[in-house]
Amino acid sequence: MNTLPLLFFIVLIAAMFLMTRSNRKRQQQAKQMRNEMQPGSGVRTIGGMYATVKEVNEDTVLLDAGPGVDLLFAKNAIGAVLTDDEYNRIVHGIEHDLKSDTDSVPDDASSLTETDDEPAGAAAASGDKPVDFGKKDVADEKAEDTVEAKAEEAEPTEAKADEEPKKTDGDSDAK
C-alpha cells in the first residue's frame, strides 16, 4: 500500500486544524475585548468611526460620536477598544506628555553634521569652501552661451521652398 496519499491527507487535516484553532483564538479575544467595554472608553468601529461609549447593553452599544450625536451599534461592529492616550491622540490631536521627554529630530541636517568638539564656524575658519550644487560657475554659463550662439548660426533662417508642409489631423489629401 502506498503511504504517500495517506501522509498528504494527514498533513492537510493538521493544517486545517491549526488554521481553525488560530481563528477561534482570535474570535475569543475580540469577544473578550467587546465584553470588557465600559462607558467612557474610546472605540473604533469596523467602519473606521471613532466614538466614545455611552452605554453598553447585551448585544448593542450606544456611542457618542459628537455633541448631540448618539448612535446605536451592534457589539460586533466594534473593531477596537482604544486606550485613553491613543483615543485622545487620534481624535483630539493631543500628544501624551512622555513624548516631550524624547529627543526631537531637527528640521535641517546642519546640526547632524556638527560635532561637539568642533564649533559651527570652524569649517569656515579652516578654509574649506562650501559646495553649492544649485548654482553654475560663471565659466560654465559663458561656455553654454557660446554653444547656443554657434547652434543658432548653423540653423538656416528660411525653410527650403521645395519642402512640402507637414500634414496635420485636419488636412487630408484623400481623393
N, C-alpha and C. Protein backbone atom coordinates (compact mmCIF):
# COMPACT_ATOMS: atom_id res chain seq x y z
N MET A 1 0.84 -1.17 0.00
CA MET A 1 0.00 0.00 0.00
C MET A 1 0.89 1.24 0.00
N ASN A 2 0.49 2.22 -0.76
CA ASN A 2 1.26 3.44 -0.89
C ASN A 2 0.89 4.39 0.24
N THR A 3 1.89 4.87 1.00
CA THR A 3 1.64 5.73 2.16
C THR A 3 1.67 7.22 1.83
N LEU A 4 2.08 7.58 0.63
CA LEU A 4 2.16 8.98 0.25
C LEU A 4 0.79 9.67 0.28
N PRO A 5 -0.26 9.13 -0.29
CA PRO A 5 -1.58 9.80 -0.20
C PRO A 5 -2.07 9.90 1.26
N LEU A 6 -1.79 8.89 2.06
CA LEU A 6 -2.20 8.93 3.46
C LEU A 6 -1.45 10.03 4.21
N LEU A 7 -0.16 10.18 3.95
CA LEU A 7 0.64 11.24 4.58
C LEU A 7 0.15 12.63 4.15
N PHE A 8 -0.17 12.79 2.86
CA PHE A 8 -0.70 14.05 2.37
C PHE A 8 -2.02 14.39 3.05
N PHE A 9 -2.88 13.42 3.23
CA PHE A 9 -4.18 13.62 3.88
C PHE A 9 -3.99 14.03 5.34
N ILE A 10 -3.06 13.44 6.04
CA ILE A 10 -2.79 13.78 7.44
C ILE A 10 -2.26 15.20 7.56
N VAL A 11 -1.36 15.61 6.68
CA VAL A 11 -0.82 16.97 6.70
C VAL A 11 -1.93 17.99 6.42
N LEU A 12 -2.82 17.67 5.50
CA LEU A 12 -3.93 18.55 5.17
C LEU A 12 -4.87 18.73 6.38
N ILE A 13 -5.18 17.67 7.06
CA ILE A 13 -6.04 17.73 8.25
C ILE A 13 -5.36 18.55 9.35
N ALA A 14 -4.07 18.37 9.56
CA ALA A 14 -3.34 19.12 10.59
C ALA A 14 -3.33 20.61 10.26
N ALA A 15 -3.14 20.98 9.01
CA ALA A 15 -3.13 22.38 8.61
C ALA A 15 -4.50 23.01 8.84
N MET A 16 -5.57 22.31 8.51
CA MET A 16 -6.92 22.82 8.74
C MET A 16 -7.17 23.00 10.24
N PHE A 17 -6.71 22.08 11.06
CA PHE A 17 -6.89 22.18 12.50
C PHE A 17 -6.16 23.41 13.06
N LEU A 18 -4.94 23.66 12.60
CA LEU A 18 -4.18 24.80 13.10
C LEU A 18 -4.82 26.12 12.67
N MET A 19 -5.35 26.18 11.44
CA MET A 19 -5.99 27.41 10.98
C MET A 19 -7.27 27.70 11.76
N THR A 20 -8.09 26.71 11.99
CA THR A 20 -9.33 26.95 12.74
C THR A 20 -9.04 27.27 14.19
N ARG A 21 -7.98 26.70 14.73
CA ARG A 21 -7.61 26.98 16.12
C ARG A 21 -7.19 28.45 16.28
N SER A 22 -6.39 28.98 15.34
CA SER A 22 -5.95 30.37 15.44
C SER A 22 -7.13 31.32 15.23
N ASN A 23 -8.04 30.98 14.31
CA ASN A 23 -9.22 31.83 14.10
C ASN A 23 -10.11 31.84 15.34
N ARG A 24 -10.28 30.70 15.95
CA ARG A 24 -11.11 30.61 17.15
C ARG A 24 -10.50 31.42 18.28
N LYS A 25 -9.18 31.37 18.41
CA LYS A 25 -8.49 32.14 19.45
C LYS A 25 -8.66 33.64 19.22
N ARG A 26 -8.56 34.08 17.97
CA ARG A 26 -8.73 35.49 17.62
C ARG A 26 -10.17 35.95 17.92
N GLN A 27 -11.15 35.09 17.61
CA GLN A 27 -12.54 35.42 17.89
C GLN A 27 -12.80 35.54 19.39
N GLN A 28 -12.19 34.67 20.18
CA GLN A 28 -12.34 34.73 21.63
C GLN A 28 -11.76 36.03 22.19
N GLN A 29 -10.61 36.46 21.67
CA GLN A 29 -10.00 37.71 22.12
C GLN A 29 -10.88 38.90 21.78
N ALA A 30 -11.47 38.91 20.58
CA ALA A 30 -12.35 40.01 20.18
C ALA A 30 -13.60 40.03 21.05
N LYS A 31 -14.15 38.88 21.34
CA LYS A 31 -15.34 38.80 22.20
C LYS A 31 -15.03 39.30 23.60
N GLN A 32 -13.88 38.93 24.13
CA GLN A 32 -13.47 39.37 25.46
C GLN A 32 -13.27 40.90 25.48
N MET A 33 -12.67 41.44 24.43
CA MET A 33 -12.45 42.88 24.33
C MET A 33 -13.79 43.62 24.32
N ARG A 34 -14.75 43.12 23.56
CA ARG A 34 -16.06 43.76 23.48
C ARG A 34 -16.83 43.66 24.80
N ASN A 35 -16.66 42.57 25.51
CA ASN A 35 -17.35 42.40 26.80
C ASN A 35 -16.74 43.28 27.89
N GLU A 36 -15.48 43.67 27.75
CA GLU A 36 -14.82 44.50 28.76
C GLU A 36 -15.02 46.00 28.50
N MET A 37 -15.79 46.37 27.46
CA MET A 37 -16.06 47.78 27.19
C MET A 37 -16.82 48.41 28.34
N GLN A 38 -16.47 49.63 28.66
CA GLN A 38 -17.16 50.36 29.72
C GLN A 38 -17.53 51.74 29.22
N PRO A 39 -18.57 52.33 29.78
CA PRO A 39 -18.91 53.70 29.38
C PRO A 39 -17.75 54.65 29.62
N GLY A 40 -17.49 55.52 28.64
CA GLY A 40 -16.39 56.47 28.73
C GLY A 40 -15.15 56.06 27.96
N SER A 41 -15.06 54.81 27.53
CA SER A 41 -13.88 54.39 26.79
C SER A 41 -14.04 54.73 25.31
N GLY A 42 -12.93 55.00 24.65
CA GLY A 42 -12.94 55.32 23.23
C GLY A 42 -12.86 54.06 22.40
N VAL A 43 -13.62 54.02 21.30
CA VAL A 43 -13.64 52.84 20.43
C VAL A 43 -13.52 53.26 18.98
N ARG A 44 -13.13 52.29 18.14
CA ARG A 44 -13.13 52.44 16.69
C ARG A 44 -14.03 51.36 16.13
N THR A 45 -14.99 51.74 15.31
CA THR A 45 -15.89 50.76 14.73
C THR A 45 -15.20 50.07 13.55
N ILE A 46 -15.81 49.00 13.05
CA ILE A 46 -15.21 48.30 11.91
C ILE A 46 -15.29 49.15 10.65
N GLY A 47 -16.13 50.20 10.68
CA GLY A 47 -16.23 51.13 9.55
C GLY A 47 -15.22 52.26 9.64
N GLY A 48 -14.47 52.34 10.76
CA GLY A 48 -13.44 53.35 10.91
C GLY A 48 -13.88 54.61 11.64
N MET A 49 -15.06 54.59 12.27
CA MET A 49 -15.53 55.75 13.01
C MET A 49 -15.05 55.68 14.45
N TYR A 50 -14.58 56.81 14.98
CA TYR A 50 -14.12 56.89 16.36
C TYR A 50 -15.22 57.54 17.19
N ALA A 51 -15.51 56.96 18.35
CA ALA A 51 -16.55 57.48 19.22
C ALA A 51 -16.27 57.06 20.65
N THR A 52 -17.06 57.61 21.56
CA THR A 52 -16.95 57.28 22.99
C THR A 52 -18.15 56.44 23.38
N VAL A 53 -17.93 55.40 24.17
CA VAL A 53 -19.01 54.53 24.61
C VAL A 53 -19.84 55.28 25.64
N LYS A 54 -21.16 55.29 25.40
CA LYS A 54 -22.07 55.96 26.33
C LYS A 54 -22.81 54.95 27.19
N GLU A 55 -23.19 53.83 26.57
CA GLU A 55 -23.95 52.80 27.27
C GLU A 55 -23.68 51.45 26.63
N VAL A 56 -23.53 50.40 27.45
CA VAL A 56 -23.28 49.06 26.95
C VAL A 56 -24.45 48.16 27.34
N ASN A 57 -25.07 47.51 26.36
CA ASN A 57 -26.15 46.56 26.60
C ASN A 57 -25.65 45.16 26.24
N GLU A 58 -26.55 44.19 26.24
CA GLU A 58 -26.14 42.81 25.98
C GLU A 58 -25.61 42.62 24.57
N ASP A 59 -26.33 43.12 23.56
CA ASP A 59 -25.92 42.94 22.17
C ASP A 59 -25.62 44.26 21.46
N THR A 60 -25.89 45.38 22.10
CA THR A 60 -25.72 46.68 21.45
C THR A 60 -24.86 47.61 22.31
N VAL A 61 -24.37 48.66 21.64
CA VAL A 61 -23.56 49.68 22.30
C VAL A 61 -24.06 51.03 21.83
N LEU A 62 -24.31 51.96 22.76
CA LEU A 62 -24.69 53.31 22.41
C LEU A 62 -23.43 54.16 22.42
N LEU A 63 -23.13 54.78 21.27
CA LEU A 63 -21.90 55.55 21.12
C LEU A 63 -22.22 57.03 21.00
N ASP A 64 -21.36 57.85 21.57
CA ASP A 64 -21.44 59.31 21.45
C ASP A 64 -20.40 59.72 20.41
N ALA A 65 -20.88 60.11 19.22
CA ALA A 65 -19.98 60.45 18.13
C ALA A 65 -19.69 61.94 18.07
N GLY A 66 -20.35 62.73 18.86
CA GLY A 66 -20.14 64.17 18.87
C GLY A 66 -21.22 64.81 19.71
N PRO A 67 -21.21 66.12 19.79
CA PRO A 67 -22.23 66.80 20.59
C PRO A 67 -23.63 66.57 20.02
N GLY A 68 -24.46 65.89 20.76
CA GLY A 68 -25.83 65.63 20.35
C GLY A 68 -25.99 64.51 19.35
N VAL A 69 -24.93 63.73 19.08
CA VAL A 69 -25.00 62.64 18.11
C VAL A 69 -24.77 61.32 18.85
N ASP A 70 -25.87 60.58 19.08
CA ASP A 70 -25.79 59.27 19.72
C ASP A 70 -26.15 58.21 18.68
N LEU A 71 -25.32 57.20 18.58
CA LEU A 71 -25.51 56.14 17.59
C LEU A 71 -25.59 54.80 18.28
N LEU A 72 -26.48 53.94 17.80
CA LEU A 72 -26.64 52.60 18.35
C LEU A 72 -25.97 51.60 17.41
N PHE A 73 -24.99 50.87 17.92
CA PHE A 73 -24.26 49.89 17.12
C PHE A 73 -24.39 48.50 17.75
N ALA A 74 -24.25 47.47 16.93
CA ALA A 74 -24.13 46.12 17.44
C ALA A 74 -22.74 45.96 18.05
N LYS A 75 -22.63 45.13 19.06
CA LYS A 75 -21.32 44.93 19.69
C LYS A 75 -20.30 44.38 18.70
N ASN A 76 -20.77 43.59 17.76
CA ASN A 76 -19.86 43.01 16.77
C ASN A 76 -19.28 44.06 15.83
N ALA A 77 -19.88 45.25 15.79
CA ALA A 77 -19.39 46.31 14.91
C ALA A 77 -18.26 47.11 15.54
N ILE A 78 -17.89 46.81 16.77
CA ILE A 78 -16.78 47.50 17.43
C ILE A 78 -15.50 46.78 17.03
N GLY A 79 -14.62 47.50 16.36
CA GLY A 79 -13.37 46.91 15.87
C GLY A 79 -12.27 46.89 16.90
N ALA A 80 -12.20 47.94 17.75
CA ALA A 80 -11.12 48.02 18.74
C ALA A 80 -11.55 48.96 19.86
N VAL A 81 -11.16 48.59 21.06
CA VAL A 81 -11.30 49.48 22.21
C VAL A 81 -9.95 50.11 22.43
N LEU A 82 -9.90 51.45 22.40
CA LEU A 82 -8.64 52.18 22.44
C LEU A 82 -8.32 52.65 23.85
N THR A 83 -7.04 52.81 24.12
CA THR A 83 -6.63 53.39 25.40
C THR A 83 -6.95 54.88 25.36
N ASP A 84 -6.99 55.52 26.52
CA ASP A 84 -7.32 56.95 26.57
C ASP A 84 -6.29 57.78 25.81
N ASP A 85 -5.02 57.45 25.96
CA ASP A 85 -3.97 58.20 25.26
C ASP A 85 -4.11 58.07 23.75
N GLU A 86 -4.36 56.86 23.27
CA GLU A 86 -4.47 56.63 21.84
C GLU A 86 -5.71 57.33 21.28
N TYR A 87 -6.83 57.26 21.99
CA TYR A 87 -8.06 57.92 21.55
C TYR A 87 -7.87 59.43 21.48
N ASN A 88 -7.26 60.02 22.51
CA ASN A 88 -7.03 61.47 22.51
C ASN A 88 -6.06 61.90 21.42
N ARG A 89 -5.06 61.06 21.13
CA ARG A 89 -4.10 61.39 20.08
C ARG A 89 -4.77 61.38 18.72
N ILE A 90 -5.64 60.40 18.47
CA ILE A 90 -6.27 60.26 17.16
C ILE A 90 -7.40 61.28 16.98
N VAL A 91 -8.29 61.37 17.95
CA VAL A 91 -9.49 62.18 17.79
C VAL A 91 -9.23 63.66 18.06
N HIS A 92 -8.54 63.97 19.14
CA HIS A 92 -8.35 65.35 19.55
C HIS A 92 -6.98 65.91 19.18
N GLY A 93 -6.06 65.08 18.75
CA GLY A 93 -4.72 65.55 18.39
C GLY A 93 -3.87 65.88 19.59
N ILE A 94 -4.20 65.32 20.76
CA ILE A 94 -3.45 65.60 21.97
C ILE A 94 -2.37 64.54 22.14
N GLU A 95 -1.12 64.99 22.17
CA GLU A 95 0.00 64.08 22.38
C GLU A 95 0.23 63.87 23.86
N HIS A 96 0.70 62.71 24.22
CA HIS A 96 0.98 62.40 25.62
C HIS A 96 2.23 63.15 26.06
N ASP A 97 2.34 63.45 27.35
CA ASP A 97 3.46 64.22 27.89
C ASP A 97 4.79 63.47 27.78
N LEU A 98 4.77 62.14 27.74
CA LEU A 98 6.01 61.37 27.68
C LEU A 98 6.75 61.62 26.37
N LYS A 99 6.06 62.04 25.33
CA LYS A 99 6.71 62.28 24.04
C LYS A 99 7.67 63.47 24.12
N SER A 100 7.42 64.42 25.01
CA SER A 100 8.28 65.60 25.11
C SER A 100 9.63 65.27 25.74
N ASP A 101 9.74 64.13 26.43
CA ASP A 101 10.99 63.75 27.06
C ASP A 101 12.00 63.21 26.05
N THR A 102 11.55 62.74 24.91
CA THR A 102 12.45 62.15 23.92
C THR A 102 13.10 63.25 23.10
N ASP A 103 14.22 62.93 22.46
CA ASP A 103 14.91 63.89 21.60
C ASP A 103 14.08 64.14 20.36
N SER A 104 14.10 65.36 19.88
CA SER A 104 13.36 65.68 18.67
C SER A 104 14.30 65.67 17.48
N VAL A 105 13.76 65.42 16.32
CA VAL A 105 14.53 65.39 15.09
C VAL A 105 14.56 66.82 14.53
N PRO A 106 15.73 67.34 14.21
CA PRO A 106 15.81 68.72 13.70
C PRO A 106 15.22 68.81 12.30
N ASP A 107 14.79 70.02 11.92
CA ASP A 107 14.21 70.24 10.60
C ASP A 107 15.27 70.24 9.51
N ASP A 108 16.50 70.60 9.85
CA ASP A 108 17.56 70.60 8.85
C ASP A 108 18.69 69.70 9.33
N ALA A 109 19.57 69.38 8.44
CA ALA A 109 20.64 68.44 8.76
C ALA A 109 21.89 69.13 9.27
N SER A 110 21.85 70.44 9.47
CA SER A 110 23.07 71.15 9.88
C SER A 110 23.54 70.71 11.26
N SER A 111 22.62 70.42 12.14
CA SER A 111 23.03 70.00 13.48
C SER A 111 23.55 68.57 13.49
N LEU A 112 23.23 67.80 12.47
CA LEU A 112 23.70 66.42 12.41
C LEU A 112 25.15 66.34 11.96
N THR A 113 25.62 67.33 11.19
CA THR A 113 26.98 67.29 10.67
C THR A 113 27.99 67.90 11.63
N GLU A 114 27.52 68.72 12.56
CA GLU A 114 28.44 69.33 13.52
C GLU A 114 28.76 68.34 14.63
N THR A 115 29.96 68.43 15.14
CA THR A 115 30.34 67.61 16.27
C THR A 115 30.48 68.49 17.50
N ASP A 116 30.48 67.89 18.66
CA ASP A 116 30.60 68.66 19.90
C ASP A 116 31.98 69.30 20.03
N ASP A 117 33.01 68.65 19.47
CA ASP A 117 34.37 69.15 19.58
C ASP A 117 34.61 70.35 18.68
N GLU A 118 33.95 70.39 17.52
CA GLU A 118 34.21 71.40 16.50
C GLU A 118 33.02 72.35 16.41
N PRO A 119 33.21 73.62 16.69
CA PRO A 119 32.09 74.56 16.57
C PRO A 119 31.70 74.78 15.11
N ALA A 120 30.53 75.40 14.90
CA ALA A 120 29.99 75.57 13.55
C ALA A 120 30.90 76.43 12.68
N GLY A 121 31.58 77.43 13.24
CA GLY A 121 32.42 78.32 12.46
C GLY A 121 33.79 77.74 12.16
N ALA A 122 34.11 76.58 12.68
CA ALA A 122 35.44 76.01 12.49
C ALA A 122 35.67 75.61 11.04
N ALA A 123 34.61 75.17 10.35
CA ALA A 123 34.76 74.78 8.95
C ALA A 123 35.10 76.00 8.10
N ALA A 124 34.49 77.13 8.40
CA ALA A 124 34.78 78.35 7.64
C ALA A 124 36.19 78.85 7.95
N ALA A 125 36.63 78.72 9.18
CA ALA A 125 37.97 79.19 9.57
C ALA A 125 39.06 78.32 8.97
N SER A 126 38.79 77.04 8.73
CA SER A 126 39.81 76.15 8.21
C SER A 126 40.03 76.35 6.72
N GLY A 127 39.18 77.13 6.06
CA GLY A 127 39.38 77.41 4.64
C GLY A 127 38.62 76.47 3.74
N ASP A 128 37.80 75.57 4.28
CA ASP A 128 37.00 74.69 3.44
C ASP A 128 35.94 75.50 2.73
N LYS A 129 35.82 75.27 1.43
CA LYS A 129 34.86 76.01 0.64
C LYS A 129 33.57 75.19 0.59
N PRO A 130 32.42 75.79 0.95
CA PRO A 130 31.17 75.04 0.90
C PRO A 130 30.79 74.73 -0.55
N VAL A 131 30.21 73.59 -0.78
CA VAL A 131 29.82 73.17 -2.10
C VAL A 131 28.38 73.58 -2.32
N ASP A 132 28.12 74.30 -3.42
CA ASP A 132 26.77 74.72 -3.76
C ASP A 132 26.37 74.02 -5.04
N PHE A 133 25.46 73.06 -4.93
CA PHE A 133 25.06 72.27 -6.08
C PHE A 133 23.98 72.96 -6.90
N GLY A 134 23.44 74.06 -6.42
CA GLY A 134 22.33 74.72 -7.10
C GLY A 134 22.76 75.77 -8.09
N LYS A 135 24.01 76.24 -8.07
CA LYS A 135 24.44 77.32 -8.95
C LYS A 135 25.54 76.84 -9.89
N LYS A 136 25.60 77.50 -11.04
CA LYS A 136 26.64 77.17 -12.00
C LYS A 136 27.75 78.19 -11.89
N ASP A 137 28.93 77.79 -12.30
CA ASP A 137 30.05 78.72 -12.34
C ASP A 137 29.87 79.68 -13.51
N VAL A 138 30.51 80.83 -13.42
CA VAL A 138 30.44 81.84 -14.48
C VAL A 138 31.04 81.28 -15.77
N ALA A 139 32.12 80.51 -15.67
CA ALA A 139 32.75 79.94 -16.85
C ALA A 139 31.80 78.96 -17.56
N ASP A 140 31.04 78.19 -16.79
CA ASP A 140 30.08 77.26 -17.40
C ASP A 140 28.99 78.01 -18.14
N GLU A 141 28.52 79.14 -17.58
CA GLU A 141 27.47 79.92 -18.23
C GLU A 141 27.97 80.51 -19.54
N LYS A 142 29.23 81.00 -19.57
CA LYS A 142 29.79 81.56 -20.80
C LYS A 142 29.94 80.48 -21.87
N ALA A 143 30.35 79.28 -21.47
CA ALA A 143 30.52 78.19 -22.42
C ALA A 143 29.17 77.81 -23.02
N GLU A 144 28.13 77.77 -22.21
CA GLU A 144 26.81 77.44 -22.74
C GLU A 144 26.32 78.52 -23.69
N ASP A 145 26.59 79.80 -23.40
CA ASP A 145 26.17 80.89 -24.27
C ASP A 145 26.83 80.77 -25.64
N THR A 146 28.12 80.42 -25.69
CA THR A 146 28.82 80.30 -26.97
C THR A 146 28.30 79.11 -27.76
N VAL A 147 27.96 78.02 -27.09
CA VAL A 147 27.42 76.84 -27.78
C VAL A 147 26.07 77.17 -28.38
N GLU A 148 25.24 77.89 -27.65
CA GLU A 148 23.92 78.27 -28.17
C GLU A 148 24.05 79.22 -29.36
N ALA A 149 25.00 80.15 -29.28
CA ALA A 149 25.19 81.10 -30.37
C ALA A 149 25.64 80.38 -31.64
N LYS A 150 26.53 79.41 -31.51
CA LYS A 150 27.00 78.66 -32.68
C LYS A 150 25.86 77.83 -33.27
N ALA A 151 25.01 77.29 -32.43
CA ALA A 151 23.89 76.48 -32.92
C ALA A 151 22.89 77.35 -33.68
N GLU A 152 22.69 78.59 -33.24
CA GLU A 152 21.77 79.48 -33.94
C GLU A 152 22.32 79.89 -35.29
N GLU A 153 23.63 80.07 -35.40
CA GLU A 153 24.25 80.44 -36.67
C GLU A 153 24.17 79.31 -37.67
N ALA A 154 24.25 78.09 -37.22
CA ALA A 154 24.26 76.95 -38.11
C ALA A 154 22.88 76.67 -38.69
N GLU A 155 21.79 77.06 -38.02
CA GLU A 155 20.44 76.78 -38.50
C GLU A 155 20.09 77.75 -39.62
N PRO A 156 19.49 77.25 -40.70
CA PRO A 156 19.06 78.15 -41.77
C PRO A 156 17.83 78.93 -41.31
N THR A 157 17.76 80.19 -41.72
CA THR A 157 16.66 81.04 -41.26
C THR A 157 15.42 80.86 -42.10
N GLU A 158 15.57 80.44 -43.36
CA GLU A 158 14.41 80.26 -44.22
C GLU A 158 14.26 78.78 -44.53
N ALA A 159 13.02 78.34 -44.61
CA ALA A 159 12.74 76.94 -44.95
C ALA A 159 12.96 76.75 -46.44
N LYS A 160 13.31 75.57 -46.82
CA LYS A 160 13.51 75.28 -48.23
C LYS A 160 12.18 75.37 -48.97
N ALA A 161 12.20 75.87 -50.17
CA ALA A 161 10.97 76.09 -50.92
C ALA A 161 10.39 74.79 -51.44
N ASP A 162 11.23 73.80 -51.76
CA ASP A 162 10.73 72.56 -52.32
C ASP A 162 10.22 71.58 -51.27
N GLU A 163 10.34 71.92 -49.98
CA GLU A 163 9.81 71.01 -48.95
C GLU A 163 8.31 71.17 -48.86
N GLU A 164 7.62 70.05 -48.68
CA GLU A 164 6.17 70.11 -48.54
C GLU A 164 5.84 70.43 -47.08
N PRO A 165 4.78 71.18 -46.86
CA PRO A 165 4.40 71.45 -45.47
C PRO A 165 3.90 70.18 -44.81
N LYS A 166 4.09 70.10 -43.51
CA LYS A 166 3.68 68.90 -42.79
C LYS A 166 2.16 68.86 -42.68
N LYS A 167 1.61 67.66 -42.76
CA LYS A 167 0.18 67.49 -42.67
C LYS A 167 -0.25 67.45 -41.20
N THR A 168 -1.40 67.98 -40.95
CA THR A 168 -1.98 67.92 -39.60
C THR A 168 -3.20 67.04 -39.66
N ASP A 169 -3.87 66.86 -38.52
CA ASP A 169 -5.04 65.99 -38.48
C ASP A 169 -6.18 66.53 -39.33
N GLY A 170 -6.29 67.85 -39.49
CA GLY A 170 -7.38 68.45 -40.24
C GLY A 170 -7.18 68.36 -41.75
N ASP A 171 -5.93 68.30 -42.21
CA ASP A 171 -5.64 68.25 -43.65
C ASP A 171 -5.62 66.80 -44.11
N SER A 172 -6.26 66.57 -45.23
CA SER A 172 -6.16 65.22 -45.80
C SER A 172 -6.13 65.34 -47.31
N ASP A 173 -5.34 64.51 -47.93
CA ASP A 173 -5.22 64.50 -49.38
C ASP A 173 -5.97 63.33 -49.99
N ALA A 174 -6.94 62.78 -49.28
CA ALA A 174 -7.68 61.63 -49.78
C ALA A 174 -8.51 62.05 -50.98
N LYS A 175 -8.53 61.23 -52.01
CA LYS A 175 -9.28 61.54 -53.23
C LYS A 175 -10.40 60.56 -53.40
